[in-house]
C-alpha atoms as a PDB file:
ATOM      1  CA  MET A   1       3.452 -32.015 -49.452  1.00  0.00           C
ATOM      2  CA  ARG A   2       0.034 -31.315 -50.936  1.00  0.00           C
ATOM      3  CA  GLY A   3      -1.612 -27.918 -51.364  1.00  0.00           C
ATOM      4  CA  LYS A   4      -0.351 -24.548 -50.245  1.00  0.00           C
ATOM      5  CA  PRO A   5       2.587 -24.678 -47.793  1.00  0.00           C
ATOM      6  CA  THR A   6       1.939 -23.377 -44.274  1.00  0.00           C
ATOM      7  CA  SER A   7       4.051 -22.120 -41.412  1.00  0.00           C
ATOM      8  CA  LEU A   8       3.481 -25.510 -39.753  1.00  0.00           C
ATOM      9  CA  ASP A   9       5.214 -27.156 -42.725  1.00  0.00           C
ATOM     10  CA  ILE A  10       8.183 -24.821 -42.295  1.00  0.00           C
ATOM     11  CA  ALA A  11       8.246 -25.510 -38.552  1.00  0.00           C
ATOM     12  CA  HIS A  12       8.325 -29.266 -39.173  1.00  0.00           C
ATOM     13  CA  LEU A  13      11.173 -29.031 -41.687  1.00  0.00           C
ATOM     14  CA  ALA A  14      13.154 -26.553 -39.560  1.00  0.00           C
ATOM     15  CA  GLY A  15      12.634 -28.515 -36.341  1.00  0.00           C
ATOM     16  CA  VAL A  16      11.177 -25.545 -34.469  1.00  0.00           C
ATOM     17  CA  SER A  17       7.771 -24.447 -33.185  1.00  0.00           C
ATOM     18  CA  GLN A  18       5.222 -22.610 -35.335  1.00  0.00           C
ATOM     19  CA  PRO A  19       5.467 -19.439 -33.171  1.00  0.00           C
ATOM     20  CA  THR A  20       9.233 -19.433 -33.793  1.00  0.00           C
ATOM     21  CA  VAL A  21       8.562 -19.525 -37.546  1.00  0.00           C
ATOM     22  CA  SER A  22       6.132 -16.604 -37.238  1.00  0.00           C
ATOM     23  CA  ARG A  23       8.649 -14.561 -35.261  1.00  0.00           C
ATOM     24  CA  ALA A  24      11.449 -15.332 -37.703  1.00  0.00           C
ATOM     25  CA  LEU A  25       9.345 -14.292 -40.713  1.00  0.00           C
ATOM     26  CA  ARG A  26       8.469 -10.950 -39.133  1.00  0.00           C
ATOM     27  CA  GLY A  27      12.076 -10.228 -38.088  1.00  0.00           C
ATOM     28  CA  SER A  28      11.699 -10.615 -34.331  1.00  0.00           C
ATOM     29  CA  PRO A  29      15.022 -10.389 -32.430  1.00  0.00           C
ATOM     30  CA  MET A  30      13.812 -13.230 -30.194  1.00  0.00           C
ATOM     31  CA  VAL A  31      14.981 -15.693 -32.882  1.00  0.00           C
ATOM     32  CA  ASN A  32      18.731 -16.218 -33.169  1.00  0.00           C
ATOM     33  CA  GLU A  33      20.377 -15.526 -36.517  1.00  0.00           C
ATOM     34  CA  GLU A  34      21.204 -19.141 -37.406  1.00  0.00           C
ATOM     35  CA  THR A  35      17.600 -20.297 -36.815  1.00  0.00           C
ATOM     36  CA  ARG A  36      16.238 -17.302 -38.737  1.00  0.00           C
ATOM     37  CA  ARG A  37      18.408 -18.086 -41.770  1.00  0.00           C
ATOM     38  CA  ARG A  38      17.336 -21.728 -41.744  1.00  0.00           C
ATOM     39  CA  ILE A  39      13.645 -20.786 -41.578  1.00  0.00           C
ATOM     40  CA  LEU A  40      13.922 -18.190 -44.347  1.00  0.00           C
ATOM     41  CA  ALA A  41      15.759 -20.644 -46.595  1.00  0.00           C
ATOM     42  CA  ILE A  42      13.030 -23.275 -46.122  1.00  0.00           C
ATOM     43  CA  ALA A  43      10.288 -20.684 -46.703  1.00  0.00           C
ATOM     44  CA  GLU A  44      11.942 -19.655 -49.965  1.00  0.00           C
ATOM     45  CA  GLN A  45      12.330 -23.295 -51.004  1.00  0.00           C
ATOM     46  CA  LEU A  46       8.620 -23.897 -50.456  1.00  0.00           C
ATOM     47  CA  ASN A  47       7.683 -20.605 -52.135  1.00  0.00           C
ATOM     48  CA  TYR A  48       5.828 -19.724 -48.925  1.00  0.00           C
ATOM     49  CA  LYS A  49       3.831 -16.470 -48.912  1.00  0.00           C
ATOM     50  CA  VAL A  50       2.567 -14.825 -45.720  1.00  0.00           C
ATOM     51  CA  ASP A  51      -1.240 -14.587 -45.610  1.00  0.00           C
ATOM     52  CA  LYS A  52      -1.491 -10.990 -44.395  1.00  0.00           C
ATOM     53  CA  ASN A  53      -5.237 -11.166 -43.771  1.00  0.00           C
ATOM     54  CA  ALA A  54      -4.966 -14.243 -41.555  1.00  0.00           C
ATOM     55  CA  SER A  55      -1.913 -12.766 -39.880  1.00  0.00           C
ATOM     56  CA  GLY A  56      -3.839  -9.628 -39.059  1.00  0.00           C
ATOM     57  CA  LEU A  57      -6.670 -11.634 -37.502  1.00  0.00           C
ATOM     58  CA  ARG A  58      -4.230 -13.549 -35.346  1.00  0.00           C
ATOM     59  CA  ARG A  59      -2.705 -10.316 -34.106  1.00  0.00           C
ATOM     60  CA  GLN A  60      -5.878  -8.839 -32.609  1.00  0.00           C
ATOM     61  CA  HIS A  61      -4.527  -6.659 -29.833  1.00  0.00           C
ATOM     62  CA  ALA A  62      -5.939  -5.877 -26.419  1.00  0.00           C
ATOM     63  CA  GLY A  63      -4.236  -2.469 -26.354  1.00  0.00           C
ATOM     64  CA  THR A  64      -2.755  -3.355 -22.956  1.00  0.00           C
ATOM     65  CA  LEU A  65       0.820  -3.956 -21.859  1.00  0.00           C
ATOM     66  CA  ALA A  66       1.645  -5.726 -18.601  1.00  0.00           C
ATOM     67  CA  LEU A  67       4.427  -4.617 -16.291  1.00  0.00           C
ATOM     68  CA  LEU A  68       5.562  -7.466 -14.044  1.00  0.00           C
ATOM     69  CA  LEU A  69       7.496  -6.395 -10.957  1.00  0.00           C
ATOM     70  CA  PHE A  70       9.339  -9.086  -9.044  1.00  0.00           C
ATOM     71  CA  GLU A  71       9.952  -9.046  -5.318  1.00  0.00           C
ATOM     72  CA  ASP A  72      13.143  -7.452  -4.007  1.00  0.00           C
ATOM     73  CA  PRO A  73      14.347  -7.695  -0.407  1.00  0.00           C
ATOM     74  CA  THR A  74      13.460  -4.384   1.300  1.00  0.00           C
ATOM     75  CA  PRO A  75      13.195  -3.299   4.957  1.00  0.00           C
ATOM     76  CA  ASP A  76       9.568  -2.203   4.446  1.00  0.00           C
ATOM     77  CA  GLU A  77       6.535  -3.913   2.932  1.00  0.00           C
ATOM     78  CA  SER A  78       7.049  -2.552  -0.601  1.00  0.00           C
ATOM     79  CA  HIS A  79       9.488  -5.276  -1.755  1.00  0.00           C
ATOM     80  CA  ILE A  80      10.312  -2.974  -4.678  1.00  0.00           C
ATOM     81  CA  ASN A  81      13.845  -1.755  -5.313  1.00  0.00           C
ATOM     82  CA  PRO A  82      13.617   2.072  -5.143  1.00  0.00           C
ATOM     83  CA  PHE A  83      15.741   2.223  -8.289  1.00  0.00           C
ATOM     84  CA  PHE A  84      12.622   1.242 -10.261  1.00  0.00           C
ATOM     85  CA  PHE A  85      10.317   3.999  -8.993  1.00  0.00           C
ATOM     86  CA  PRO A  86      11.310   6.693 -11.544  1.00  0.00           C
ATOM     87  CA  MET A  87      11.322   4.046 -14.277  1.00  0.00           C
ATOM     88  CA  LEU A  88       7.733   3.144 -13.379  1.00  0.00           C
ATOM     89  CA  GLY A  89       6.653   6.740 -13.931  1.00  0.00           C
ATOM     90  CA  SER A  90       8.450   6.865 -17.267  1.00  0.00           C
ATOM     91  CA  ILE A  91       6.857   3.584 -18.397  1.00  0.00           C
ATOM     92  CA  THR A  92       3.389   4.857 -17.454  1.00  0.00           C
ATOM     93  CA  ARG A  93       3.821   8.086 -19.416  1.00  0.00           C
ATOM     94  CA  ALA A  94       5.271   6.257 -22.437  1.00  0.00           C
ATOM     95  CA  CYS A  95       2.310   3.854 -22.507  1.00  0.00           C
ATOM     96  CA  ALA A  96      -0.081   6.827 -22.552  1.00  0.00           C
ATOM     97  CA  ARG A  97       1.797   8.364 -25.478  1.00  0.00           C
ATOM     98  CA  HIS A  98       1.520   5.094 -27.408  1.00  0.00           C
ATOM     99  CA  GLY A  99      -2.197   4.722 -26.633  1.00  0.00           C
ATOM    100  CA  GLN A 100      -1.599   1.655 -24.459  1.00  0.00           C
ATOM    101  CA  ASP A 101      -3.195   0.776 -21.144  1.00  0.00           C
ATOM    102  CA  LEU A 102      -0.757  -0.471 -18.523  1.00  0.00           C
ATOM    103  CA  LEU A 103      -1.468  -3.421 -16.234  1.00  0.00           C
ATOM    104  CA  ILE A 104       0.935  -3.524 -13.274  1.00  0.00           C
ATOM    105  CA  SER A 105       1.276  -6.861 -11.520  1.00  0.00           C
ATOM    106  CA  PHE A 106       3.427  -7.749  -8.519  1.00  0.00           C
ATOM    107  CA  GLN A 107       4.970 -11.194  -8.828  1.00  0.00           C
ATOM    108  CA  GLN A 108       6.798 -13.605  -6.585  1.00  0.00           C
ATOM    109  CA  PHE A 109       9.681 -15.314  -8.285  1.00  0.00           C
ATOM    110  CA  SER A 110       8.232 -18.755  -7.508  1.00  0.00           C
ATOM    111  CA  ASP A 111       4.922 -18.020  -9.276  1.00  0.00           C
ATOM    112  CA  ASP A 112       4.132 -19.496 -12.706  1.00  0.00           C
ATOM    113  CA  TRP A 113       3.722 -15.996 -14.148  1.00  0.00           C
ATOM    114  CA  HIS A 114       5.364 -17.039 -17.416  1.00  0.00           C
ATOM    115  CA  ALA A 115       2.603 -19.602 -18.056  1.00  0.00           C
ATOM    116  CA  GLU A 116      -0.232 -17.384 -16.833  1.00  0.00           C
ATOM    117  CA  TYR A 117       0.598 -14.428 -19.049  1.00  0.00           C
ATOM    118  CA  GLY A 118       1.819 -16.468 -21.985  1.00  0.00           C
ATOM    119  CA  ASP A 119      -1.414 -18.445 -22.220  1.00  0.00           C
ATOM    120  CA  SER A 120      -3.901 -15.654 -21.453  1.00  0.00           C
ATOM    121  CA  HIS A 121      -5.128 -12.550 -23.240  1.00  0.00           C
ATOM    122  CA  LYS A 122      -4.547 -10.207 -20.313  1.00  0.00           C
ATOM    123  CA  ALA A 123      -1.989  -8.205 -22.251  1.00  0.00           C
ATOM    124  CA  ASP A 124      -0.315  -8.052 -25.647  1.00  0.00           C
ATOM    125  CA  GLY A 125       3.186  -8.150 -24.180  1.00  0.00           C
ATOM    126  CA  LEU A 126       5.210  -8.010 -20.980  1.00  0.00           C
ATOM    127  CA  ILE A 127       7.757  -5.656 -19.421  1.00  0.00           C
ATOM    128  CA  LEU A 128       9.831  -7.432 -16.769  1.00  0.00           C
ATOM    129  CA  LEU A 129      11.564  -5.558 -13.936  1.00  0.00           C
ATOM    130  CA  GLY A 130      13.569  -6.942 -11.023  1.00  0.00           C
ATOM    131  CA  TYR A 131      14.305 -10.589 -11.721  1.00  0.00           C
ATOM    132  CA  GLY A 132      17.026 -11.452  -9.167  1.00  0.00           C
ATOM    133  CA  ASP A 133      19.218 -14.463  -9.979  1.00  0.00           C
ATOM    134  CA  TYR A 134      19.471 -14.469 -13.783  1.00  0.00           C
ATOM    135  CA  LEU A 135      20.387 -18.157 -14.149  1.00  0.00           C
ATOM    136  CA  ALA A 136      17.400 -19.203 -12.024  1.00  0.00           C
ATOM    137  CA  HIS A 137      15.159 -16.896 -14.081  1.00  0.00           C
ATOM    138  CA  GLN A 138      16.497 -17.851 -17.528  1.00  0.00           C
ATOM    139  CA  GLY A 139      14.315 -20.934 -17.965  1.00  0.00           C
ATOM    140  CA  LYS A 140      11.124 -18.902 -17.604  1.00  0.00           C
ATOM    141  CA  LEU A 141      12.340 -16.390 -20.182  1.00  0.00           C
ATOM    142  CA  THR A 142      12.964 -19.283 -22.575  1.00  0.00           C
ATOM    143  CA  LYS A 143       9.394 -20.493 -21.977  1.00  0.00           C
ATOM    144  CA  LEU A 144       8.058 -17.061 -22.923  1.00  0.00           C
ATOM    145  CA  VAL A 145      10.036 -17.199 -26.165  1.00  0.00           C
ATOM    146  CA  GLU A 146       8.720 -20.688 -26.927  1.00  0.00           C
ATOM    147  CA  GLN A 147       5.145 -19.533 -26.263  1.00  0.00           C
ATOM    148  CA  GLY A 148       5.579 -16.607 -28.634  1.00  0.00           C
ATOM    149  CA  THR A 149       4.892 -14.031 -25.898  1.00  0.00           C
ATOM    150  CA  PRO A 150       6.375 -10.606 -26.779  1.00  0.00           C
ATOM    151  CA  PHE A 151       8.413  -9.304 -23.844  1.00  0.00           C
ATOM    152  CA  VAL A 152      11.232  -6.965 -22.941  1.00  0.00           C
ATOM    153  CA  ARG A 153      13.214  -6.838 -19.729  1.00  0.00           C
ATOM    154  CA  TRP A 154      15.449  -4.359 -17.966  1.00  0.00           C
ATOM    155  CA  GLY A 155      18.786  -6.017 -17.273  1.00  0.00           C
ATOM    156  CA  ALA A 156      22.114  -7.104 -18.654  1.00  0.00           C
ATOM    157  CA  VAL A 157      22.320  -7.023 -22.459  1.00  0.00           C
ATOM    158  CA  MET A 158      24.051 -10.243 -23.499  1.00  0.00           C
ATOM    159  CA  PRO A 159      24.384 -12.243 -26.720  1.00  0.00           C
ATOM    160  CA  ASP A 160      22.175 -15.323 -27.191  1.00  0.00           C
ATOM    161  CA  GLN A 161      19.930 -14.539 -24.212  1.00  0.00           C
ATOM    162  CA  PRO A 162      16.210 -15.339 -24.385  1.00  0.00           C
ATOM    163  CA  GLY A 163      14.149 -12.395 -25.581  1.00  0.00           C
ATOM    164  CA  LEU A 164      14.980  -8.722 -25.764  1.00  0.00           C
ATOM    165  CA  SER A 165      16.783  -6.687 -23.084  1.00  0.00           C
ATOM    166  CA  ILE A 166      17.255  -2.986 -22.521  1.00  0.00           C
ATOM    167  CA  GLY A 167      19.985  -2.111 -20.044  1.00  0.00           C
ATOM    168  CA  CYS A 168      22.769   0.278 -19.168  1.00  0.00           C
ATOM    169  CA  ASP A 169      26.466   0.100 -20.005  1.00  0.00           C
ATOM    170  CA  ASN A 170      27.426  -1.675 -16.797  1.00  0.00           C
ATOM    171  CA  VAL A 171      31.026  -2.225 -17.878  1.00  0.00           C
ATOM    172  CA  GLY A 172      31.361   1.456 -18.726  1.00  0.00           C
ATOM    173  CA  GLY A 173      29.801   2.403 -15.399  1.00  0.00           C
ATOM    174  CA  GLY A 174      32.233   0.185 -13.520  1.00  0.00           C
ATOM    175  CA  ARG A 175      35.083   1.750 -15.460  1.00  0.00           C
ATOM    176  CA  LEU A 176      33.934   5.235 -14.388  1.00  0.00           C
ATOM    177  CA  ALA A 177      33.918   4.136 -10.748  1.00  0.00           C
ATOM    178  CA  GLY A 178      37.390   2.620 -11.002  1.00  0.00           C
ATOM    179  CA  GLU A 179      38.866   5.650 -12.760  1.00  0.00           C
ATOM    180  CA  HIS A 180      37.412   7.990 -10.147  1.00  0.00           C
ATOM    181  CA  LEU A 181      38.749   5.978  -7.216  1.00  0.00           C
ATOM    182  CA  LEU A 182      42.183   5.897  -8.820  1.00  0.00           C
ATOM    183  CA  ALA A 183      41.989   9.678  -9.307  1.00  0.00           C
ATOM    184  CA  VAL A 184      41.379  10.212  -5.581  1.00  0.00           C
ATOM    185  CA  GLY A 185      44.417   8.077  -4.771  1.00  0.00           C
ATOM    186  CA  ARG A 186      42.778   4.748  -3.865  1.00  0.00           C
ATOM    187  CA  ARG A 187      44.430   1.480  -4.870  1.00  0.00           C
ATOM    188  CA  ARG A 188      43.053  -1.291  -2.629  1.00  0.00           C
ATOM    189  CA  ILE A 189      39.454  -1.309  -3.833  1.00  0.00           C
ATOM    190  CA  ALA A 190      36.950  -3.793  -2.422  1.00  0.00           C
ATOM    191  CA  PHE A 191      33.872  -4.822  -4.410  1.00  0.00           C
ATOM    192  CA  LEU A 192      30.571  -5.660  -2.694  1.00  0.00           C
ATOM    193  CA  GLY A 193      28.132  -7.590  -4.902  1.00  0.00           C
ATOM    194  CA  ASP A 194      27.735 -11.027  -6.469  1.00  0.00           C
ATOM    195  CA  ALA A 195      30.221 -10.790  -9.357  1.00  0.00           C
ATOM    196  CA  SER A 196      29.157 -14.002 -11.088  1.00  0.00           C
ATOM    197  CA  ASN A 197      26.980 -15.196 -13.985  1.00  0.00           C
ATOM    198  CA  HIS A 198      24.048 -15.331 -11.558  1.00  0.00           C
ATOM    199  CA  TYR A 199      24.105 -11.511 -11.471  1.00  0.00           C
ATOM    200  CA  PRO A 200      25.546 -10.471 -14.865  1.00  0.00           C
ATOM    201  CA  GLU A 201      24.961  -6.741 -14.267  1.00  0.00           C
ATOM    202  CA  PHE A 202      27.067  -6.884 -11.091  1.00  0.00           C
ATOM    203  CA  LEU A 203      29.696  -8.962 -12.889  1.00  0.00           C
ATOM    204  CA  ASP A 204      29.943  -6.348 -15.651  1.00  0.00           C
ATOM    205  CA  ARG A 205      30.344  -3.571 -13.061  1.00  0.00           C
ATOM    206  CA  TYR A 206      33.152  -5.541 -11.419  1.00  0.00           C
ATOM    207  CA  SER A 207      34.794  -6.161 -14.813  1.00  0.00           C
ATOM    208  CA  GLY A 208      34.618  -2.491 -15.784  1.00  0.00           C
ATOM    209  CA  CYS A 209      36.243  -1.380 -12.544  1.00  0.00           C
ATOM    210  CA  ASP A 210      38.939  -4.023 -12.970  1.00  0.00           C
ATOM    211  CA  GLU A 211      39.607  -2.782 -16.527  1.00  0.00           C
ATOM    212  CA  ALA A 212      40.180   0.745 -15.222  1.00  0.00           C
ATOM    213  CA  LEU A 213      42.602  -0.483 -12.567  1.00  0.00           C
ATOM    214  CA  LYS A 214      44.527  -2.710 -14.975  1.00  0.00           C
ATOM    215  CA  ALA A 215      44.958   0.204 -17.379  1.00  0.00           C
ATOM    216  CA  ALA A 216      46.755   1.980 -14.507  1.00  0.00           C
ATOM    217  CA  GLY A 217      48.876  -1.041 -13.548  1.00  0.00           C
ATOM    218  CA  PHE A 218      46.666  -2.341 -10.731  1.00  0.00           C
ATOM    219  CA  SER A 219      43.763  -4.799 -10.458  1.00  0.00           C
ATOM    220  CA  LEU A 220      40.867  -5.777  -8.237  1.00  0.00           C
ATOM    221  CA  ASP A 221      41.762  -8.386  -5.619  1.00  0.00           C
ATOM    222  CA  ARG A 222      39.202 -11.222  -5.507  1.00  0.00           C
ATOM    223  CA  ALA A 223      39.969 -11.558  -1.796  1.00  0.00           C
ATOM    224  CA  LEU A 224      38.319  -8.131  -1.402  1.00  0.00           C
ATOM    225  CA  GLN A 225      35.117  -9.171  -3.215  1.00  0.00           C
ATOM    226  CA  VAL A 226      32.127 -10.108  -1.070  1.00  0.00           C
ATOM    227  CA  ASP A 227      28.803 -11.341  -2.429  1.00  0.00           C
ATOM    228  CA  ALA A 228      25.771  -9.157  -1.697  1.00  0.00           C
ATOM    229  CA  GLU A 229      22.251  -8.697  -3.031  1.00  0.00           C
ATOM    230  CA  SER A 230      20.845  -5.247  -3.736  1.00  0.00           C
ATOM    231  CA  ALA A 231      19.626  -4.507  -0.208  1.00  0.00           C
ATOM    232  CA  GLU A 232      20.912  -2.389   2.677  1.00  0.00           C
ATOM    233  CA  ASP A 233      21.079  -5.280   5.148  1.00  0.00           C
ATOM    234  CA  SER A 234      23.001  -7.350   2.591  1.00  0.00           C
ATOM    235  CA  GLY A 235      25.483  -4.510   2.103  1.00  0.00           C
ATOM    236  CA  TYR A 236      25.831  -4.149   5.863  1.00  0.00           C
ATOM    237  CA  ALA A 237      26.569  -7.867   6.265  1.00  0.00           C
ATOM    238  CA  ALA A 238      28.989  -7.843   3.318  1.00  0.00           C
ATOM    239  CA  ALA A 239      30.969  -4.957   4.822  1.00  0.00           C
ATOM    240  CA  LEU A 240      31.222  -6.783   8.162  1.00  0.00           C
ATOM    241  CA  SER A 241      32.445  -9.878   6.320  1.00  0.00           C
ATOM    242  CA  LEU A 242      35.023  -7.762   4.499  1.00  0.00           C
ATOM    243  CA  LEU A 243      36.287  -6.298   7.781  1.00  0.00           C
ATOM    244  CA  GLY A 244      36.461  -9.789   9.234  1.00  0.00           C
ATOM    245  CA  ARG A 245      38.962 -10.849   6.592  1.00  0.00           C
ATOM    246  CA  GLY A 246      41.529  -8.484   8.078  1.00  0.00           C
ATOM    247  CA  LEU A 247      42.815  -7.354   4.674  1.00  0.00           C
ATOM    248  CA  PRO A 248      43.730  -3.723   4.002  1.00  0.00           C
ATOM    249  CA  PHE A 249      41.455  -1.702   1.701  1.00  0.00           C
ATOM    250  CA  ASP A 250      41.010   2.014   1.142  1.00  0.00           C
ATOM    251  CA  ALA A 251      37.858   2.078  -1.038  1.00  0.00           C
ATOM    252  CA  VAL A 252      34.637   0.201  -1.651  1.00  0.00           C
ATOM    253  CA  PHE A 253      32.843  -0.001  -4.984  1.00  0.00           C
ATOM    254  CA  ALA A 254      29.358  -1.334  -4.277  1.00  0.00           C
ATOM    255  CA  ALA A 255      27.307  -2.950  -7.050  1.00  0.00           C
ATOM    256  CA  SER A 256      24.272  -0.860  -6.039  1.00  0.00           C
ATOM    257  CA  ASP A 257      23.475   2.172  -3.893  1.00  0.00           C
ATOM    258  CA  LEU A 258      21.519   0.033  -1.441  1.00  0.00           C
ATOM    259  CA  ILE A 259      24.584  -2.153  -0.887  1.00  0.00           C
ATOM    260  CA  ALA A 260      26.752   0.964  -0.538  1.00  0.00           C
ATOM    261  CA  ILE A 261      24.471   2.609   2.043  1.00  0.00           C
ATOM    262  CA  GLY A 262      24.344  -0.568   4.138  1.00  0.00           C
ATOM    263  CA  ALA A 263      28.133  -0.869   3.912  1.00  0.00           C
ATOM    264  CA  MET A 264      28.601   2.747   5.029  1.00  0.00           C
ATOM    265  CA  HIS A 265      26.662   2.069   8.220  1.00  0.00           C
ATOM    266  CA  ALA A 266      28.756  -1.004   9.009  1.00  0.00           C
ATOM    267  CA  LEU A 267      32.078   0.742   8.352  1.00  0.00           C
ATOM    268  CA  GLN A 268      31.129   3.807  10.411  1.00  0.00           C
ATOM    269  CA  GLU A 269      29.949   1.663  13.323  1.00  0.00           C
ATOM    270  CA  ASN A 270      33.387   0.039  13.289  1.00  0.00           C
ATOM    271  CA  GLY A 271      35.195   3.369  13.578  1.00  0.00           C
ATOM    272  CA  LEU A 272      36.128   3.983   9.941  1.00  0.00           C
ATOM    273  CA  ARG A 273      35.738   7.484   8.545  1.00  0.00           C
ATOM    274  CA  ILE A 274      34.196   8.041   5.101  1.00  0.00           C
ATOM    275  CA  PRO A 275      35.915   9.178   2.906  1.00  0.00           C
ATOM    276  CA  GLU A 276      39.093   9.761   4.957  1.00  0.00           C
ATOM    277  CA  ASP A 277      39.712   6.058   5.696  1.00  0.00           C
ATOM    278  CA  VAL A 278      37.527   4.446   3.047  1.00  0.00           C
ATOM    279  CA  ALA A 279      36.102   6.045  -0.105  1.00  0.00           C
ATOM    280  CA  ILE A 280      32.718   4.685  -1.199  1.00  0.00           C
ATOM    281  CA  VAL A 281      31.138   4.582  -4.677  1.00  0.00           C
ATOM    282  CA  GLY A 282      27.709   3.106  -5.427  1.00  0.00           C
ATOM    283  CA  PHE A 283      25.674   2.447  -8.553  1.00  0.00           C
ATOM    284  CA  ASP A 284      22.115   3.648  -9.495  1.00  0.00           C
ATOM    285  CA  ASP A 285      21.755   7.146  -7.959  1.00  0.00           C
ATOM    286  CA  ILE A 286      18.584   6.365  -6.013  1.00  0.00           C
ATOM    287  CA  PRO A 287      17.135   9.316  -4.011  1.00  0.00           C
ATOM    288  CA  ALA A 288      18.608   7.973  -0.754  1.00  0.00           C
ATOM    289  CA  ALA A 289      22.121   8.368  -2.216  1.00  0.00           C
ATOM    290  CA  ARG A 290      21.778  12.153  -2.073  1.00  0.00           C
ATOM    291  CA  ILE A 291      20.770  12.252   1.590  1.00  0.00           C
ATOM    292  CA  ALA A 292      23.112   9.542   2.891  1.00  0.00           C
ATOM    293  CA  THR A 293      25.749  10.641   5.429  1.00  0.00           C
ATOM    294  CA  PRO A 294      28.017  11.486   3.725  1.00  0.00           C
ATOM    295  CA  ALA A 295      26.242  11.912   0.379  1.00  0.00           C
ATOM    296  CA  LEU A 296      27.077   8.979  -1.899  1.00  0.00           C
ATOM    297  CA  THR A 297      29.190   9.185  -5.046  1.00  0.00           C
ATOM    298  CA  THR A 298      27.473   6.927  -7.560  1.00  0.00           C
ATOM    299  CA  VAL A 299      27.110   5.816 -11.159  1.00  0.00           C
ATOM    300  CA  VAL A 300      23.937   7.197 -12.722  1.00  0.00           C
ATOM    301  CA  GLN A 301      21.572   5.183 -14.943  1.00  0.00           C
ATOM    302  CA  ASP A 302      19.067   7.025 -17.138  1.00  0.00           C
ATOM    303  CA  THR A 303      15.855   5.515 -15.741  1.00  0.00           C
ATOM    304  CA  ILE A 304      13.613   7.954 -17.638  1.00  0.00           C
ATOM    305  CA  ARG A 305      14.995   7.007 -21.043  1.00  0.00           C
ATOM    306  CA  ALA A 306      15.020   3.364 -19.956  1.00  0.00           C
ATOM    307  CA  GLY A 307      11.254   3.393 -19.372  1.00  0.00           C
ATOM    308  CA  GLU A 308      10.639   5.009 -22.760  1.00  0.00           C
ATOM    309  CA  LEU A 309      12.800   2.457 -24.572  1.00  0.00           C
ATOM    310  CA  LEU A 310      11.170  -0.500 -22.838  1.00  0.00           C
ATOM    311  CA  VAL A 311       7.716   0.593 -24.007  1.00  0.00           C
ATOM    312  CA  GLU A 312       8.871   1.515 -27.527  1.00  0.00           C
ATOM    313  CA  ALA A 313      10.605  -1.840 -28.001  1.00  0.00           C
ATOM    314  CA  LEU A 314       7.616  -3.814 -26.711  1.00  0.00           C
ATOM    315  CA  VAL A 315       5.159  -1.934 -28.942  1.00  0.00           C
ATOM    316  CA  HIS A 316       7.374  -2.796 -31.933  1.00  0.00           C
ATOM    317  CA  LEU A 317       7.428  -6.484 -30.973  1.00  0.00           C
ATOM    318  CA  VAL A 318       3.659  -6.594 -30.429  1.00  0.00           C
ATOM    319  CA  ASN A 319       3.164  -5.097 -33.894  1.00  0.00           C
ATOM    320  CA  GLY A 320       5.462  -7.672 -35.454  1.00  0.00           C
ATOM    321  CA  GLU A 321       8.199  -5.129 -36.087  1.00  0.00           C
ATOM    322  CA  PRO A 322      11.910  -5.532 -35.318  1.00  0.00           C
ATOM    323  CA  ALA A 323      13.286  -4.052 -32.106  1.00  0.00           C
ATOM    324  CA  GLU A 324      16.875  -3.773 -30.944  1.00  0.00           C
ATOM    325  CA  ARG A 325      18.698  -4.522 -27.729  1.00  0.00           C
ATOM    326  CA  THR A 326      19.997  -1.259 -26.301  1.00  0.00           C
ATOM    327  CA  ARG A 327      22.689  -0.277 -23.791  1.00  0.00           C
ATOM    328  CA  LEU A 328      22.243   3.183 -22.312  1.00  0.00           C
ATOM    329  CA  PRO A 329      25.349   5.182 -21.366  1.00  0.00           C
ATOM    330  CA  THR A 330      26.132   5.883 -17.714  1.00  0.00           C
ATOM    331  CA  SER A 331      27.638   8.882 -15.941  1.00  0.00           C
ATOM    332  CA  LEU A 332      29.229   9.514 -12.560  1.00  0.00           C
ATOM    333  CA  VAL A 333      28.053  12.006  -9.938  1.00  0.00           C
ATOM    334  CA  VAL A 334      30.748  12.816  -7.377  1.00  0.00           C
ATOM    335  CA  ARG A 335      29.670  13.499  -3.787  1.00  0.00           C
ATOM    336  CA  LYS A 336      31.372  13.519  -0.394  1.00  0.00           C
ATOM    337  CA  SER A 337      31.614   9.737   0.145  1.00  0.00           C
ATOM    338  CA  SER A 338      34.612   9.439  -2.164  1.00  0.00           C
ATOM    339  CA  GLY A 339      36.352  12.762  -1.417  1.00  0.00           C
ATOM    340  CA  ALA A 340      37.489  15.373  -3.908  1.00  0.00           C
ATOM    341  CA  VAL A 341      39.506  14.517  -7.000  1.00  0.00           C
ATOM    342  CA  ALA A 342      43.151  15.392  -6.367  1.00  0.00           C
END
């Protein structure tokens, strides 16, 4: 090697891209620990020094963050899960406090949004809400990392996932639901929601509920689990499928409020009383949960704090500062759909 070493030299020796080297040197959590250590060791070997002036020029900022909303199945034309509405307000206010403009863009999952935003100067970084099937979405997140695009997403917080996530304690929330249903005397608890790696948040909610039951000497029966997306019609169909199996159950834990509300309609239409015959617990505490008939017991996520954390984390990443994955605690609000605690 001749002359002063560069980040391209480090990238070549480490077998990674130059943007990955830049992220590793500034402590970005988007680089896994093993890769970071390898890059730092090579940089030290080469006596590499960061050119702060050049680095500053490269990081000219637009002062704009982009919020990308992805389509959700809804009965109206909004295609936005109502869970995200209060979070949107929180994100908007947090951007104003940080002196950032906010660009809101509605995306279809099939679009090449990851390439468009990664290769343009529309915004300094991305906030991603509502991604659907995680495994189908994962490749695009990896592309954003490879392109060096700062981004944060609301969703499951898992080790070794691409980029940075802010989410809630889904396992803890599921545990709260399970403990409550046990407390009101329910033992045969059905779960409505895709409890698989495709929907890791739903899987964590299932696992948390199962933990609570096992601690009391019971467990969730996989024969009482029915896949459902976060939509009322999906919950309605899942409840009909559950009834069609002819298996006894005395409670339903739904992976979202929308699933729960759809399931309530199906169960009531088939002559079951809520909560006398079947107790129902949802997850999210959307506004419709409070006015459902009966009002829905549900696990509450702190959407206001979530919006603040998403913006704070993204601003840190844009400025080349470290940011941490965060799980927000959950709580349970008890309403008539699950009956009174004995």
